[in-house]
Amino acid sequence: MATRKITITVPEELAESIKERVDARGVSAYIAAAAAHQDSMDRLRELAQRLEEEHGAVTDDEQQAALDRIAAIDGWHDEERPSSDEAA
């Protein structure tokens, strides 16, 4: 993927916090990952808005049904995952 050098301004405390976590060359990667994450969240929000405009808002019952389904799938995965004793 092509890259482009840009200049950004961040609060000094944030810059220092990032530098404590990564080496000097890792700062760009750290900032790029944060920007990519924000871009993904923005795109997801835009998709949700388009879907809501087209199909209407998700009801509380629909949201709860989705959460219940996710919990059921998580439970199934937990049951299927070998225990640490079996994996060894």
C-alpha atoms as a PDB file:
ATOM      1  CA  MET A   1       0.000   0.000   0.000  1.00  0.00           C
ATOM      2  CA  ALA A   2       1.292   3.438  -0.869  1.00  0.00           C
ATOM      3  CA  THR A   3       1.920   5.782   2.012  1.00  0.00           C
ATOM      4  CA  ARG A   4       1.976   9.536   2.336  1.00  0.00           C
ATOM      5  CA  LYS A   5       3.768  11.610   4.913  1.00  0.00           C
ATOM      6  CA  ILE A   6       1.554  14.134   6.691  1.00  0.00           C
ATOM      7  CA  THR A   7       1.956  16.408   9.677  1.00  0.00           C
ATOM      8  CA  ILE A   8      -0.439  16.158  12.601  1.00  0.00           C
ATOM      9  CA  THR A   9      -0.737  18.042  15.853  1.00  0.00           C
ATOM     10  CA  VAL A  10      -1.619  16.206  19.053  1.00  0.00           C
ATOM     11  CA  PRO A  11      -1.582  17.247  22.696  1.00  0.00           C
ATOM     12  CA  GLU A  12       1.902  16.884  24.191  1.00  0.00           C
ATOM     13  CA  GLU A  13       0.664  14.456  26.867  1.00  0.00           C
ATOM     14  CA  LEU A  14      -0.753  12.153  24.190  1.00  0.00           C
ATOM     15  CA  ALA A  15       2.462  12.234  22.171  1.00  0.00           C
ATOM     16  CA  GLU A  16       4.495  11.334  25.249  1.00  0.00           C
ATOM     17  CA  SER A  17       2.106   8.543  26.190  1.00  0.00           C
ATOM     18  CA  ILE A  18       2.406   7.028  22.709  1.00  0.00           C
ATOM     19  CA  LYS A  19       6.205   7.336  22.718  1.00  0.00           C
ATOM     20  CA  GLU A  20       6.319   5.435  26.017  1.00  0.00           C
ATOM     21  CA  ARG A  21       4.571   2.490  24.355  1.00  0.00           C
ATOM     22  CA  VAL A  22       6.444   2.310  21.041  1.00  0.00           C
ATOM     23  CA  ASP A  23       9.891   3.104  19.675  1.00  0.00           C
ATOM     24  CA  ALA A  24      10.428   6.196  17.517  1.00  0.00           C
ATOM     25  CA  ARG A  25       9.666   4.395  14.242  1.00  0.00           C
ATOM     26  CA  GLY A  26       6.546   2.819  15.739  1.00  0.00           C
ATOM     27  CA  VAL A  27       4.804   6.137  16.356  1.00  0.00           C
ATOM     28  CA  SER A  28       3.681   6.418  12.728  1.00  0.00           C
ATOM     29  CA  ALA A  29       2.334   2.855  12.748  1.00  0.00           C
ATOM     30  CA  TYR A  30       0.541   3.513  16.037  1.00  0.00           C
ATOM     31  CA  ILE A  31      -1.091   6.688  14.698  1.00  0.00           C
ATOM     32  CA  ALA A  32      -1.932   4.984  11.390  1.00  0.00           C
ATOM     33  CA  ALA A  33      -3.618   2.090  13.223  1.00  0.00           C
ATOM     34  CA  ALA A  34      -5.633   4.528  15.343  1.00  0.00           C
ATOM     35  CA  ALA A  35      -6.697   6.476  12.248  1.00  0.00           C
ATOM     36  CA  ALA A  36      -7.616   3.251  10.407  1.00  0.00           C
ATOM     37  CA  HIS A  37      -9.720   2.150  13.370  1.00  0.00           C
ATOM     38  CA  GLN A  38     -11.523   5.506  13.480  1.00  0.00           C
ATOM     39  CA  ASP A  39     -12.105   5.352   9.714  1.00  0.00           C
ATOM     40  CA  SER A  40     -13.632   1.875  10.089  1.00  0.00           C
ATOM     41  CA  MET A  41     -15.896   3.069  12.888  1.00  0.00           C
ATOM     42  CA  ASP A  42     -16.994   6.078  10.810  1.00  0.00           C
ATOM     43  CA  ARG A  43     -17.784   3.838   7.845  1.00  0.00           C
ATOM     44  CA  LEU A  44     -19.718   1.444  10.071  1.00  0.00           C
ATOM     45  CA  ARG A  45     -21.711   4.357  11.505  1.00  0.00           C
ATOM     46  CA  GLU A  46     -22.492   5.584   7.971  1.00  0.00           C
ATOM     47  CA  LEU A  47     -23.661   2.094   6.979  1.00  0.00           C
ATOM     48  CA  ALA A  48     -25.858   1.854  10.074  1.00  0.00           C
ATOM     49  CA  GLN A  49     -27.423   5.218   9.230  1.00  0.00           C
ATOM     50  CA  ARG A  50     -28.123   4.140   5.631  1.00  0.00           C
ATOM     51  CA  LEU A  51     -29.637   0.858   6.803  1.00  0.00           C
ATOM     52  CA  GLU A  52     -31.782   2.675   9.364  1.00  0.00           C
ATOM     53  CA  GLU A  53     -33.026   5.087   6.692  1.00  0.00           C
ATOM     54  CA  GLU A  54     -33.873   2.183   4.388  1.00  0.00           C
ATOM     55  CA  HIS A  55     -35.294  -0.328   6.909  1.00  0.00           C
ATOM     56  CA  GLY A  56     -36.172   1.713   9.989  1.00  0.00           C
ATOM     57  CA  ALA A  57     -34.654   1.742  13.436  1.00  0.00           C
ATOM     58  CA  VAL A  58     -33.794  -1.481  15.232  1.00  0.00           C
ATOM     59  CA  THR A  59     -36.309  -2.153  17.986  1.00  0.00           C
ATOM     60  CA  ASP A  60     -35.311  -3.036  21.542  1.00  0.00           C
ATOM     61  CA  ASP A  61     -36.663  -6.561  20.972  1.00  0.00           C
ATOM     62  CA  GLU A  62     -34.601  -6.991  17.788  1.00  0.00           C
ATOM     63  CA  GLN A  63     -31.486  -5.736  19.540  1.00  0.00           C
ATOM     64  CA  GLN A  64     -32.032  -8.100  22.468  1.00  0.00           C
ATOM     65  CA  ALA A  65     -32.638 -11.014  20.089  1.00  0.00           C
ATOM     66  CA  ALA A  66     -29.311 -10.256  18.366  1.00  0.00           C
ATOM     67  CA  LEU A  67     -27.498 -10.055  21.706  1.00  0.00           C
ATOM     68  CA  ASP A  68     -29.073 -13.347  22.791  1.00  0.00           C
ATOM     69  CA  ARG A  69     -27.949 -14.974  19.527  1.00  0.00           C
ATOM     70  CA  ILE A  70     -24.391 -13.704  20.016  1.00  0.00           C
ATOM     71  CA  ALA A  71     -24.371 -15.034  23.590  1.00  0.00           C
ATOM     72  CA  ALA A  72     -25.596 -18.423  22.351  1.00  0.00           C
ATOM     73  CA  ILE A  73     -22.859 -18.565  19.705  1.00  0.00           C
ATOM     74  CA  ASP A  74     -20.238 -17.564  22.293  1.00  0.00           C
ATOM     75  CA  GLY A  75     -21.516 -20.310  24.591  1.00  0.00           C
ATOM     76  CA  TRP A  76     -21.313 -22.871  21.815  1.00  0.00           C
ATOM     77  CA  HIS A  77     -17.722 -21.836  21.026  1.00  0.00           C
ATOM     78  CA  ASP A  78     -16.812 -22.079  24.705  1.00  0.00           C
ATOM     79  CA  GLU A  79     -18.204 -25.626  24.825  1.00  0.00           C
ATOM     80  CA  GLU A  80     -16.376 -26.646  21.624  1.00  0.00           C
ATOM     81  CA  ARG A  81     -13.013 -25.120  22.579  1.00  0.00           C
ATOM     82  CA  PRO A  82     -10.659 -27.720  24.000  1.00  0.00           C
ATOM     83  CA  SER A  83      -9.634 -27.087  27.581  1.00  0.00           C
ATOM     84  CA  SER A  84      -6.021 -26.180  28.247  1.00  0.00           C
ATOM     85  CA  ASP A  85      -5.494 -29.748  29.567  1.00  0.00           C
ATOM     86  CA  GLU A  86      -6.786 -31.289  26.322  1.00  0.00           C
ATOM     87  CA  ALA A  87      -4.712 -28.983  24.126  1.00  0.00           C
ATOM     88  CA  ALA A  88      -1.432 -29.937  25.796  1.00  0.00           C
END
